[in-house]
Each structure stands twice: as structure tokens, then as C-alpha cells.
Amino acid sequence: MFETVLIATDGSTSAERAVAVGLDLADRFEATVHALYVVDAGEVAASPNEVRDDLERALATAGGRALTFVRESASEDSADGDEGDVITAVREGSPVTEICTYAEEHDADAIVTGTRGRNSPGFVLGSVAEGIIRRANPPVLSVRQPESA
């Protein structure tokens, strides 16, 4: 049913929970895992010129750490410690657009992403999770961070 699962991560605590859920989903279906981090080009462009390059490097570094977390989590979940089933990528652009485009390019059967889990009913307008849910072709599993965490 699911051959390819895309885990979209920003390295946050809510994304860490989504990683665990995404890896469990992929494991149950013996699916290939893709992990994607998107450097938000809008955030970089909105920063002052003096810090733009540093911010872009810092975001790319954070992306590397987030993807390492996915690989290490997959390795911990694997009986043989193999990380080979996780394909990672860093892209730059609009997170919603890049995640949906990546899912289409790699024929993802599901997208797993975290959400901050605001206390208001429904989704927060403009949130990445909401944008993915609205635009993505494959089903989207939005994993909420429990309030107790």
C-alpha cells in the first residue's frame, strides 16, 4: 500500500514525534523512507543583508542535524542497524511548495509532518502543515505534539 514515505522535518520537537510515526508507518509497510528538510528562502530573504549568508548556513546546518536525527532514528529502529533505507535531501524555497514537489518527483505514497498543535480549533492559517494538507496529492499524516511534552 505504501512503498515510499516522505518525512518532512524542520528539526523541531513536533517533527521528532512525526519522525517516529513516519518510521513506524514505513516499517509496517516495508516502505522506502525519504527525509526532507527545506531551508525557507522567504525567511532568508526577509533577514538583513548583513546576516543573510550566516542565516542561510545556520539553517542548512540545522537541516543536516534534522536529517541525521531521522537516519539515526531509523538505525535504532532497525534490527541490523542499517540506515540504508533512508534517503535524505535538503532543498531551498517555500517549504510547502518544495515538500509537495518532492513528493510528486519521488512518487511518495504518504507525507508525514509534524504540527505545533495550537490550542485553537482547526489549523493555524499559513502553517506549513496546513499548506501541505491543502496542496499535496498523496495523503498527509500530520502528527501533533502532545500538550504534555
Protein backbone atom coordinates (compact mmCIF):
# COMPACT_ATOMS: atom_id res chain seq x y z
CA MET A 1 0.00 0.00 0.00
CA PHE A 2 2.79 2.43 0.96
CA GLU A 3 6.04 1.97 -0.94
CA THR A 4 7.50 5.43 -0.34
CA VAL A 5 7.00 7.55 2.78
CA LEU A 6 8.22 11.16 2.82
CA ILE A 7 9.03 12.57 6.25
CA ALA A 8 9.20 16.37 6.17
CA THR A 9 11.22 17.67 9.11
CA ASP A 10 12.27 21.02 10.46
CA GLY A 11 14.16 19.54 13.41
CA SER A 12 11.61 20.71 15.98
CA THR A 13 10.24 18.62 18.84
CA SER A 14 6.95 18.11 17.00
CA ALA A 15 8.89 16.99 13.93
CA GLU A 16 10.78 14.45 16.07
CA ARG A 17 7.48 12.83 17.00
CA ALA A 18 6.49 12.83 13.32
CA VAL A 19 9.77 11.09 12.51
CA ALA A 20 8.93 8.28 14.92
CA VAL A 21 5.44 7.91 13.47
CA GLY A 22 6.72 8.10 9.89
CA LEU A 23 9.37 5.48 10.50
CA ASP A 24 6.80 3.21 12.14
CA LEU A 25 4.47 3.61 9.16
CA ALA A 26 7.29 2.85 6.72
CA ASP A 27 8.38 -0.15 8.78
CA ARG A 28 4.88 -1.63 8.80
CA PHE A 29 4.74 -1.50 5.00
CA GLU A 30 8.45 -2.09 4.37
CA ALA A 31 8.46 1.24 2.54
CA THR A 32 11.41 3.36 1.49
CA VAL A 33 11.82 6.45 3.66
CA HIS A 34 12.67 9.85 2.23
CA ALA A 35 13.50 12.62 4.73
CA LEU A 36 13.35 16.21 3.54
CA TYR A 37 14.41 19.48 5.15
CA VAL A 38 13.61 22.77 3.42
CA VAL A 39 15.61 25.93 4.01
CA ASP A 40 12.87 28.58 3.97
CA ALA A 41 14.00 31.02 1.28
CA GLY A 42 11.42 33.56 2.48
CA GLU A 43 12.95 33.58 5.94
CA VAL A 44 16.41 34.06 4.47
CA ALA A 45 15.25 36.84 2.11
CA ALA A 46 13.50 38.68 4.95
CA SER A 47 16.67 38.81 7.03
CA PRO A 48 19.00 41.83 6.97
CA ASN A 49 21.67 41.68 4.28
CA GLU A 50 24.45 41.64 6.88
CA VAL A 51 23.31 38.30 8.34
CA ARG A 52 21.71 36.64 5.33
CA ASP A 53 24.64 34.36 4.44
CA ASP A 54 25.13 33.36 8.08
CA LEU A 55 21.42 32.60 8.48
CA GLU A 56 21.36 30.50 5.33
CA ARG A 57 24.37 28.49 6.56
CA ALA A 58 22.80 28.10 10.01
CA LEU A 59 19.54 26.84 8.51
CA ALA A 60 21.40 24.38 6.28
CA THR A 61 23.33 23.15 9.33
CA ALA A 62 20.07 22.74 11.25
CA GLY A 63 18.74 20.77 8.30
CA GLY A 64 21.73 18.47 8.40
CA ARG A 65 21.13 17.82 12.10
CA ALA A 66 17.42 17.16 11.49
CA LEU A 67 18.20 14.65 8.73
CA THR A 68 20.86 12.98 10.87
CA PHE A 69 18.20 12.54 13.55
CA VAL A 70 15.98 10.74 11.01
CA ARG A 71 18.83 8.44 9.89
CA GLU A 72 19.86 7.67 13.46
CA SER A 73 16.25 7.02 14.50
CA ALA A 74 15.85 4.64 11.57
CA SER A 75 19.06 2.89 12.56
CA GLU A 76 17.86 2.49 16.16
CA ASP A 77 14.56 1.04 14.92
CA SER A 78 16.32 -1.37 12.58
CA ALA A 79 17.27 -4.80 13.90
CA ASP A 80 20.55 -4.74 11.96
CA GLY A 81 21.31 -1.03 12.50
CA ASP A 82 21.11 -0.37 8.75
CA GLU A 83 20.48 3.26 7.73
CA GLY A 84 20.38 2.41 4.03
CA ASP A 85 16.63 2.75 3.60
CA VAL A 86 16.60 6.48 4.42
CA ILE A 87 17.14 8.86 1.51
CA THR A 88 17.76 12.44 2.64
CA ALA A 89 17.59 15.77 0.88
CA VAL A 90 17.88 19.47 1.66
CA ARG A 91 16.08 21.94 -0.58
CA GLU A 92 15.68 25.69 -0.55
CA GLY A 93 12.46 27.54 -1.28
CA SER A 94 8.93 27.66 0.07
CA PRO A 95 8.56 24.70 2.45
CA VAL A 96 5.04 23.84 1.27
CA THR A 97 5.96 24.03 -2.41
CA GLU A 98 9.22 22.13 -2.02
CA ILE A 99 7.67 19.35 0.08
CA CYS A 100 4.76 18.86 -2.34
CA THR A 101 7.09 18.98 -5.36
CA TYR A 102 9.50 16.48 -3.78
CA ALA A 103 6.59 14.15 -3.00
CA GLU A 104 5.47 14.26 -6.64
CA GLU A 105 9.02 13.83 -8.02
CA HIS A 106 9.60 10.75 -5.87
CA ASP A 107 6.10 9.31 -6.19
CA ALA A 108 5.56 9.39 -2.41
CA ASP A 109 2.57 7.40 -1.20
CA ALA A 110 2.31 9.43 2.02
CA ILE A 111 3.77 12.55 3.60
CA VAL A 112 4.36 12.65 7.34
CA THR A 113 4.90 16.02 9.01
CA GLY A 114 4.72 17.49 12.47
CA THR A 115 2.45 20.28 13.55
CA ARG A 116 2.80 22.57 16.51
CA GLY A 117 -0.68 21.59 17.76
CA ARG A 118 -2.04 25.01 18.65
CA ASN A 119 -4.93 25.01 21.11
CA SER A 120 -7.28 26.79 18.72
CA PRO A 121 -9.75 24.71 16.72
CA GLY A 122 -8.64 23.80 13.21
CA PHE A 123 -5.30 24.70 11.72
CA VAL A 124 -3.38 27.90 12.07
CA LEU A 125 -3.73 29.91 8.87
CA GLY A 126 -0.48 29.90 6.94
CA SER A 127 1.10 26.98 8.76
CA VAL A 128 3.30 24.64 6.75
CA ALA A 129 1.31 21.57 7.82
CA GLU A 130 -1.93 23.18 6.67
CA GLY A 131 -0.39 24.15 3.34
CA ILE A 132 0.85 20.63 2.73
CA ILE A 133 -2.54 19.16 3.62
CA ARG A 134 -4.26 21.52 1.19
CA ARG A 135 -1.82 21.09 -1.73
CA ALA A 136 -0.28 17.63 -1.61
CA ASN A 137 -1.51 14.86 -3.85
CA PRO A 138 -0.64 11.91 -1.56
CA PRO A 139 -2.28 11.54 1.85
CA VAL A 140 -0.73 13.63 4.61
CA LEU A 141 -0.31 12.41 8.17
CA SER A 142 0.03 15.46 10.40
CA VAL A 143 1.45 14.43 13.77
CA ARG A 144 0.62 16.70 16.65
CA GLN A 145 2.97 17.18 19.57
CA PRO A 146 1.14 16.23 22.78
CA GLU A 147 0.46 19.17 25.09
CA SER A 148 2.25 17.40 27.93
CA ALA A 149 5.55 17.33 26.02
